[in-house]
Amino acid sequence: MTNITLSIDDEVYRKMRRYSEIKWSEFVRKCVQKRVEELEHLDKDDWDNARFLGDEKLLSESWASKEDEESFAYLQ
């Protein structure tokens, strides 16, 4: 398995530490896996028009599913 490093805002990290029972690495791993699977299902012919793959506006939006949003609503 490969390791990656990511940056988390200090305030978010403090909040994450309150929920030490959550395996954050596993949570992020599953989010990344889900997104990769979504991208793999795109029709290859659409890739020329798939500006959204790296679109800054889209990347700034939440990738969380409805279930994720409901599960973490209490954090907001």
PDB file of N, CA and C in Angstrom:
ATOM      1  N   MET A   1       0.857  -1.169   0.000  1.00  0.00           N
ATOM      2  CA  MET A   1       0.000   0.000   0.000  1.00  0.00           C
ATOM      3  C   MET A   1       0.904   1.234   0.000  1.00  0.00           C
ATOM      4  N   THR A   2       0.484   2.245  -0.738  1.00  0.00           N
ATOM      5  CA  THR A   2       1.222   3.494  -0.843  1.00  0.00           C
ATOM      6  C   THR A   2       0.692   4.494   0.168  1.00  0.00           C
ATOM      7  N   ASN A   3       1.578   5.299   0.708  1.00  0.00           N
ATOM      8  CA  ASN A   3       1.186   6.362   1.635  1.00  0.00           C
ATOM      9  C   ASN A   3       1.154   7.689   0.900  1.00  0.00           C
ATOM     10  N   ILE A   4       0.210   8.551   1.304  1.00  0.00           N
ATOM     11  CA  ILE A   4       0.174   9.920   0.808  1.00  0.00           C
ATOM     12  C   ILE A   4       0.079  10.845   2.016  1.00  0.00           C
ATOM     13  N   THR A   5       0.410  12.092   1.801  1.00  0.00           N
ATOM     14  CA  THR A   5       0.312  13.097   2.855  1.00  0.00           C
ATOM     15  C   THR A   5      -0.638  14.175   2.375  1.00  0.00           C
ATOM     16  N   LEU A   6      -1.495  14.641   3.267  1.00  0.00           N
ATOM     17  CA  LEU A   6      -2.368  15.749   2.913  1.00  0.00           C
ATOM     18  C   LEU A   6      -2.383  16.753   4.045  1.00  0.00           C
ATOM     19  N   SER A   7      -2.744  17.958   3.696  1.00  0.00           N
ATOM     20  CA  SER A   7      -2.803  19.030   4.685  1.00  0.00           C
ATOM     21  C   SER A   7      -4.241  19.234   5.124  1.00  0.00           C
ATOM     22  N   ILE A   8      -4.410  19.440   6.414  1.00  0.00           N
ATOM     23  CA  ILE A   8      -5.719  19.689   7.012  1.00  0.00           C
ATOM     24  C   ILE A   8      -5.611  20.988   7.799  1.00  0.00           C
ATOM     25  N   ASP A   9      -6.604  21.823   7.663  1.00  0.00           N
ATOM     26  CA  ASP A   9      -6.643  23.063   8.422  1.00  0.00           C
ATOM     27  C   ASP A   9      -6.539  22.744   9.920  1.00  0.00           C
ATOM     28  N   ASP A  10      -5.810  23.552  10.660  1.00  0.00           N
ATOM     29  CA  ASP A  10      -5.601  23.304  12.092  1.00  0.00           C
ATOM     30  C   ASP A  10      -6.906  23.166  12.861  1.00  0.00           C
ATOM     31  N   GLU A  11      -7.866  24.008  12.550  1.00  0.00           N
ATOM     32  CA  GLU A  11      -9.152  23.953  13.250  1.00  0.00           C
ATOM     33  C   GLU A  11      -9.879  22.638  12.961  1.00  0.00           C
ATOM     34  N   VAL A  12      -9.839  22.213  11.716  1.00  0.00           N
ATOM     35  CA  VAL A  12     -10.468  20.937  11.353  1.00  0.00           C
ATOM     36  C   VAL A  12      -9.771  19.795  12.084  1.00  0.00           C
ATOM     37  N   TYR A  13      -8.450  19.850  12.135  1.00  0.00           N
ATOM     38  CA  TYR A  13      -7.691  18.795  12.826  1.00  0.00           C
ATOM     39  C   TYR A  13      -8.068  18.732  14.310  1.00  0.00           C
ATOM     40  N   ARG A  14      -8.213  19.873  14.947  1.00  0.00           N
ATOM     41  CA  ARG A  14      -8.622  19.881  16.365  1.00  0.00           C
ATOM     42  C   ARG A  14      -9.993  19.226  16.536  1.00  0.00           C
ATOM     43  N   LYS A  15     -10.887  19.526  15.613  1.00  0.00           N
ATOM     44  CA  LYS A  15     -12.218  18.918  15.675  1.00  0.00           C
ATOM     45  C   LYS A  15     -12.153  17.415  15.427  1.00  0.00           C
ATOM     46  N   MET A  16     -11.323  17.011  14.490  1.00  0.00           N
ATOM     47  CA  MET A  16     -11.171  15.578  14.207  1.00  0.00           C
ATOM     48  C   MET A  16     -10.680  14.819  15.433  1.00  0.00           C
ATOM     49  N   ARG A  17      -9.790  15.419  16.165  1.00  0.00           N
ATOM     50  CA  ARG A  17      -9.228  14.752  17.345  1.00  0.00           C
ATOM     51  C   ARG A  17     -10.285  14.467  18.404  1.00  0.00           C
ATOM     52  N   ARG A  18     -11.360  15.234  18.403  1.00  0.00           N
ATOM     53  CA  ARG A  18     -12.451  14.982  19.352  1.00  0.00           C
ATOM     54  C   ARG A  18     -13.152  13.659  19.070  1.00  0.00           C
ATOM     55  N   TYR A  19     -13.010  13.179  17.852  1.00  0.00           N
ATOM     56  CA  TYR A  19     -13.685  11.952  17.430  1.00  0.00           C
ATOM     57  C   TYR A  19     -12.641  10.875  17.140  1.00  0.00           C
ATOM     58  N   SER A  20     -11.865  10.574  18.130  1.00  0.00           N
ATOM     59  CA  SER A  20     -10.755   9.633  17.963  1.00  0.00           C
ATOM     60  C   SER A  20     -11.222   8.219  17.638  1.00  0.00           C
ATOM     61  N   GLU A  21     -12.490   7.935  17.865  1.00  0.00           N
ATOM     62  CA  GLU A  21     -12.999   6.598  17.542  1.00  0.00           C
ATOM     63  C   GLU A  21     -13.130   6.389  16.034  1.00  0.00           C
ATOM     64  N   ILE A  22     -13.125   7.476  15.273  1.00  0.00           N
ATOM     65  CA  ILE A  22     -13.205   7.382  13.815  1.00  0.00           C
ATOM     66  C   ILE A  22     -11.807   7.150  13.270  1.00  0.00           C
ATOM     67  N   LYS A  23     -11.694   6.162  12.406  1.00  0.00           N
ATOM     68  CA  LYS A  23     -10.417   5.887  11.738  1.00  0.00           C
ATOM     69  C   LYS A  23     -10.353   6.795  10.515  1.00  0.00           C
ATOM     70  N   TRP A  24      -9.775   7.971  10.700  1.00  0.00           N
ATOM     71  CA  TRP A  24      -9.789   9.002   9.667  1.00  0.00           C
ATOM     72  C   TRP A  24      -9.065   8.559   8.404  1.00  0.00           C
ATOM     73  N   SER A  25      -7.993   7.817   8.542  1.00  0.00           N
ATOM     74  CA  SER A  25      -7.287   7.342   7.352  1.00  0.00           C
ATOM     75  C   SER A  25      -8.190   6.453   6.509  1.00  0.00           C
ATOM     76  N   GLU A  26      -8.918   5.587   7.173  1.00  0.00           N
ATOM     77  CA  GLU A  26      -9.833   4.695   6.465  1.00  0.00           C
ATOM     78  C   GLU A  26     -10.962   5.488   5.815  1.00  0.00           C
ATOM     79  N   PHE A  27     -11.470   6.489   6.511  1.00  0.00           N
ATOM     80  CA  PHE A  27     -12.528   7.341   5.965  1.00  0.00           C
ATOM     81  C   PHE A  27     -12.059   8.023   4.679  1.00  0.00           C
ATOM     82  N   VAL A  28     -10.884   8.618   4.721  1.00  0.00           N
ATOM     83  CA  VAL A  28     -10.349   9.318   3.549  1.00  0.00           C
ATOM     84  C   VAL A  28     -10.050   8.318   2.442  1.00  0.00           C
ATOM     85  N   ARG A  29      -9.498   7.173   2.795  1.00  0.00           N
ATOM     86  CA  ARG A  29      -9.196   6.133   1.810  1.00  0.00           C
ATOM     87  C   ARG A  29     -10.471   5.738   1.048  1.00  0.00           C
ATOM     88  N   LYS A  30     -11.567   5.559   1.775  1.00  0.00           N
ATOM     89  CA  LYS A  30     -12.826   5.180   1.136  1.00  0.00           C
ATOM     90  C   LYS A  30     -13.376   6.303   0.257  1.00  0.00           C
ATOM     91  N   CYS A  31     -13.222   7.549   0.681  1.00  0.00           N
ATOM     92  CA  CYS A  31     -13.664   8.683  -0.134  1.00  0.00           C
ATOM     93  C   CYS A  31     -12.897   8.736  -1.453  1.00  0.00           C
ATOM     94  N   VAL A  32     -11.597   8.547  -1.379  1.00  0.00           N
ATOM     95  CA  VAL A  32     -10.771   8.567  -2.585  1.00  0.00           C
ATOM     96  C   VAL A  32     -11.153   7.399  -3.491  1.00  0.00           C
ATOM     97  N   GLN A  33     -11.309   6.227  -2.909  1.00  0.00           N
ATOM     98  CA  GLN A  33     -11.680   5.047  -3.695  1.00  0.00           C
ATOM     99  C   GLN A  33     -13.008   5.262  -4.408  1.00  0.00           C
ATOM    100  N   LYS A  34     -13.970   5.824  -3.698  1.00  0.00           N
ATOM    101  CA  LYS A  34     -15.286   6.079  -4.289  1.00  0.00           C
ATOM    102  C   LYS A  34     -15.176   7.037  -5.466  1.00  0.00           C
ATOM    103  N   ARG A  35     -14.397   8.091  -5.304  1.00  0.00           N
ATOM    104  CA  ARG A  35     -14.249   9.079  -6.385  1.00  0.00           C
ATOM    105  C   ARG A  35     -13.560   8.457  -7.590  1.00  0.00           C
ATOM    106  N   VAL A  36     -12.541   7.655  -7.372  1.00  0.00           N
ATOM    107  CA  VAL A  36     -11.844   6.996  -8.482  1.00  0.00           C
ATOM    108  C   VAL A  36     -12.815   6.077  -9.231  1.00  0.00           C
ATOM    109  N   GLU A  37     -13.630   5.348  -8.504  1.00  0.00           N
ATOM    110  CA  GLU A  37     -14.618   4.470  -9.142  1.00  0.00           C
ATOM    111  C   GLU A  37     -15.617   5.268  -9.965  1.00  0.00           C
ATOM    112  N   GLU A  38     -16.032   6.425  -9.460  1.00  0.00           N
ATOM    113  CA  GLU A  38     -16.938   7.285 -10.222  1.00  0.00           C
ATOM    114  C   GLU A  38     -16.276   7.738 -11.520  1.00  0.00           C
ATOM    115  N   LEU A  39     -15.015   8.120 -11.443  1.00  0.00           N
ATOM    116  CA  LEU A  39     -14.294   8.573 -12.630  1.00  0.00           C
ATOM    117  C   LEU A  39     -14.109   7.443 -13.627  1.00  0.00           C
ATOM    118  N   GLU A  40     -13.876   6.242 -13.137  1.00  0.00           N
ATOM    119  CA  GLU A  40     -13.688   5.091 -14.022  1.00  0.00           C
ATOM    120  C   GLU A  40     -14.952   4.754 -14.795  1.00  0.00           C
ATOM    121  N   HIS A  41     -16.104   5.111 -14.251  1.00  0.00           N
ATOM    122  CA  HIS A  41     -17.365   4.815 -14.916  1.00  0.00           C
ATOM    123  C   HIS A  41     -17.748   5.840 -15.974  1.00  0.00           C
ATOM    124  N   LEU A  42     -16.983   6.909 -16.063  1.00  0.00           N
ATOM    125  CA  LEU A  42     -17.271   7.892 -17.114  1.00  0.00           C
ATOM    126  C   LEU A  42     -17.029   7.260 -18.471  1.00  0.00           C
ATOM    127  N   ASP A  43     -17.866   7.600 -19.414  1.00  0.00           N
ATOM    128  CA  ASP A  43     -17.666   7.152 -20.789  1.00  0.00           C
ATOM    129  C   ASP A  43     -16.383   7.799 -21.305  1.00  0.00           C
ATOM    130  N   LYS A  44     -15.471   6.989 -21.818  1.00  0.00           N
ATOM    131  CA  LYS A  44     -14.176   7.503 -22.293  1.00  0.00           C
ATOM    132  C   LYS A  44     -14.347   8.588 -23.355  1.00  0.00           C
ATOM    133  N   ASP A  45     -15.427   8.535 -24.134  1.00  0.00           N
ATOM    134  CA  ASP A  45     -15.661   9.551 -25.163  1.00  0.00           C
ATOM    135  C   ASP A  45     -15.948  10.915 -24.555  1.00  0.00           C
ATOM    136  N   ASP A  46     -16.388  10.935 -23.306  1.00  0.00           N
ATOM    137  CA  ASP A  46     -16.714  12.188 -22.645  1.00  0.00           C
ATOM    138  C   ASP A  46     -15.489  12.876 -22.043  1.00  0.00           C
ATOM    139  N   TRP A  47     -14.361  12.196 -22.004  1.00  0.00           N
ATOM    140  CA  TRP A  47     -13.185  12.741 -21.331  1.00  0.00           C
ATOM    141  C   TRP A  47     -12.671  14.032 -21.974  1.00  0.00           C
ATOM    142  N   ASP A  48     -12.838  14.173 -23.301  1.00  0.00           N
ATOM    143  CA  ASP A  48     -12.400  15.405 -23.954  1.00  0.00           C
ATOM    144  C   ASP A  48     -13.175  16.603 -23.434  1.00  0.00           C
ATOM    145  N   ASN A  49     -14.415  16.380 -23.061  1.00  0.00           N
ATOM    146  CA  ASN A  49     -15.273  17.450 -22.554  1.00  0.00           C
ATOM    147  C   ASN A  49     -15.345  17.454 -21.035  1.00  0.00           C
ATOM    148  N   ALA A  50     -14.552  16.640 -20.393  1.00  0.00           N
ATOM    149  CA  ALA A  50     -14.644  16.458 -18.942  1.00  0.00           C
ATOM    150  C   ALA A  50     -13.755  17.458 -18.202  1.00  0.00           C
ATOM    151  N   ARG A  51     -13.963  18.735 -18.435  1.00  0.00           N
ATOM    152  CA  ARG A  51     -13.192  19.767 -17.753  1.00  0.00           C
ATOM    153  C   ARG A  51     -13.395  19.699 -16.250  1.00  0.00           C
ATOM    154  N   PHE A  52     -14.531  19.128 -15.819  1.00  0.00           N
ATOM    155  CA  PHE A  52     -14.853  19.060 -14.404  1.00  0.00           C
ATOM    156  C   PHE A  52     -13.886  18.163 -13.631  1.00  0.00           C
ATOM    157  N   LEU A  53     -13.104  17.339 -14.325  1.00  0.00           N
ATOM    158  CA  LEU A  53     -12.175  16.456 -13.622  1.00  0.00           C
ATOM    159  C   LEU A  53     -11.184  17.245 -12.777  1.00  0.00           C
ATOM    160  N   GLY A  54     -10.818  18.419 -13.227  1.00  0.00           N
ATOM    161  CA  GLY A  54      -9.890  19.247 -12.479  1.00  0.00           C
ATOM    162  C   GLY A  54     -10.391  20.665 -12.313  1.00  0.00           C
ATOM    163  N   ASP A  55     -11.678  20.856 -12.488  1.00  0.00           N
ATOM    164  CA  ASP A  55     -12.277  22.172 -12.400  1.00  0.00           C
ATOM    165  C   ASP A  55     -12.178  22.701 -10.975  1.00  0.00           C
ATOM    166  N   GLU A  56     -11.566  23.860 -10.821  1.00  0.00           N
ATOM    167  CA  GLU A  56     -11.339  24.414  -9.489  1.00  0.00           C
ATOM    168  C   GLU A  56     -12.638  24.653  -8.724  1.00  0.00           C
ATOM    169  N   LYS A  57     -13.664  25.129  -9.411  1.00  0.00           N
ATOM    170  CA  LYS A  57     -14.949  25.362  -8.748  1.00  0.00           C
ATOM    171  C   LYS A  57     -15.522  24.048  -8.228  1.00  0.00           C
ATOM    172  N   LEU A  58     -15.502  23.016  -9.053  1.00  0.00           N
ATOM    173  CA  LEU A  58     -16.037  21.727  -8.629  1.00  0.00           C
ATOM    174  C   LEU A  58     -15.220  21.150  -7.472  1.00  0.00           C
ATOM    175  N   LEU A  59     -13.906  21.273  -7.567  1.00  0.00           N
ATOM    176  CA  LEU A  59     -13.056  20.719  -6.517  1.00  0.00           C
ATOM    177  C   LEU A  59     -13.268  21.420  -5.183  1.00  0.00           C
ATOM    178  N   SER A  60     -13.754  22.655  -5.216  1.00  0.00           N
ATOM    179  CA  SER A  60     -14.006  23.375  -3.974  1.00  0.00           C
ATOM    180  C   SER A  60     -15.339  22.971  -3.351  1.00  0.00           C
ATOM    181  N   GLU A  61     -16.180  22.285  -4.124  1.00  0.00           N
ATOM    182  CA  GLU A  61     -17.475  21.840  -3.621  1.00  0.00           C
ATOM    183  C   GLU A  61     -17.322  20.537  -2.852  1.00  0.00           C
ATOM    184  N   SER A  62     -18.320  20.219  -2.089  1.00  0.00           N
ATOM    185  CA  SER A  62     -18.306  18.985  -1.311  1.00  0.00           C
ATOM    186  C   SER A  62     -18.475  17.778  -2.218  1.00  0.00           C
ATOM    187  N   TRP A  63     -17.672  16.738  -1.979  1.00  0.00           N
ATOM    188  CA  TRP A  63     -17.814  15.479  -2.703  1.00  0.00           C
ATOM    189  C   TRP A  63     -18.597  14.484  -1.870  1.00  0.00           C
ATOM    190  N   ALA A  64     -19.028  14.895  -0.737  1.00  0.00           N
ATOM    191  CA  ALA A  64     -19.714  13.978   0.162  1.00  0.00           C
ATOM    192  C   ALA A  64     -21.062  13.573  -0.425  1.00  0.00           C
ATOM    193  N   SER A  65     -21.411  12.344  -0.206  1.00  0.00           N
ATOM    194  CA  SER A  65     -22.710  11.852  -0.646  1.00  0.00           C
ATOM    195  C   SER A  65     -23.776  12.366   0.316  1.00  0.00           C
ATOM    196  N   LYS A  66     -25.016  12.139  -0.040  1.00  0.00           N
ATOM    197  CA  LYS A  66     -26.127  12.527   0.830  1.00  0.00           C
ATOM    198  C   LYS A  66     -25.973  11.850   2.194  1.00  0.00           C
ATOM    199  N   GLU A  67     -25.592  10.575   2.166  1.00  0.00           N
ATOM    200  CA  GLU A  67     -25.414   9.826   3.407  1.00  0.00           C
ATOM    201  C   GLU A  67     -24.281  10.418   4.248  1.00  0.00           C
ATOM    202  N   ASP A  68     -23.178  10.804   3.578  1.00  0.00           N
ATOM    203  CA  ASP A  68     -22.055  11.431   4.289  1.00  0.00           C
ATOM    204  C   ASP A  68     -22.509  12.729   4.942  1.00  0.00           C
ATOM    205  N   GLU A  69     -23.234  13.533   4.177  1.00  0.00           N
ATOM    206  CA  GLU A  69     -23.706  14.818   4.686  1.00  0.00           C
ATOM    207  C   GLU A  69     -24.584  14.616   5.924  1.00  0.00           C
ATOM    208  N   GLU A  70     -25.478  13.632   5.858  1.00  0.00           N
ATOM    209  CA  GLU A  70     -26.362  13.359   6.993  1.00  0.00           C
ATOM    210  C   GLU A  70     -25.560  12.848   8.194  1.00  0.00           C
ATOM    211  N   SER A  71     -24.574  11.997   7.938  1.00  0.00           N
ATOM    212  CA  SER A  71     -23.775  11.429   9.018  1.00  0.00           C
ATOM    213  C   SER A  71     -22.950  12.469   9.752  1.00  0.00           C
ATOM    214  N   PHE A  72     -22.472  13.475   9.004  1.00  0.00           N
ATOM    215  CA  PHE A  72     -21.589  14.466   9.597  1.00  0.00           C
ATOM    216  C   PHE A  72     -22.244  15.826   9.816  1.00  0.00           C
ATOM    217  N   ALA A  73     -23.565  15.873   9.691  1.00  0.00           N
ATOM    218  CA  ALA A  73     -24.290  17.124   9.871  1.00  0.00           C
ATOM    219  C   ALA A  73     -24.053  17.711  11.257  1.00  0.00           C
ATOM    220  N   TYR A  74     -23.875  16.861  12.238  1.00  0.00           N
ATOM    221  CA  TYR A  74     -23.668  17.338  13.605  1.00  0.00           C
ATOM    222  C   TYR A  74     -22.355  18.071  13.792  1.00  0.00           C
ATOM    223  N   LEU A  75     -21.448  17.948  12.848  1.00  0.00           N
ATOM    224  CA  LEU A  75     -20.155  18.641  12.951  1.00  0.00           C
ATOM    225  C   LEU A  75     -20.257  20.112  12.558  1.00  0.00           C
ATOM    226  N   GLN A  76     -21.338  20.462  11.888  1.00  0.00           N
ATOM    227  CA  GLN A  76     -21.432  21.833  11.369  1.00  0.00           C
ATOM    228  C   GLN A  76     -22.120  22.756  12.331  1.00  0.00           C
TER     229      GLN A  76
END
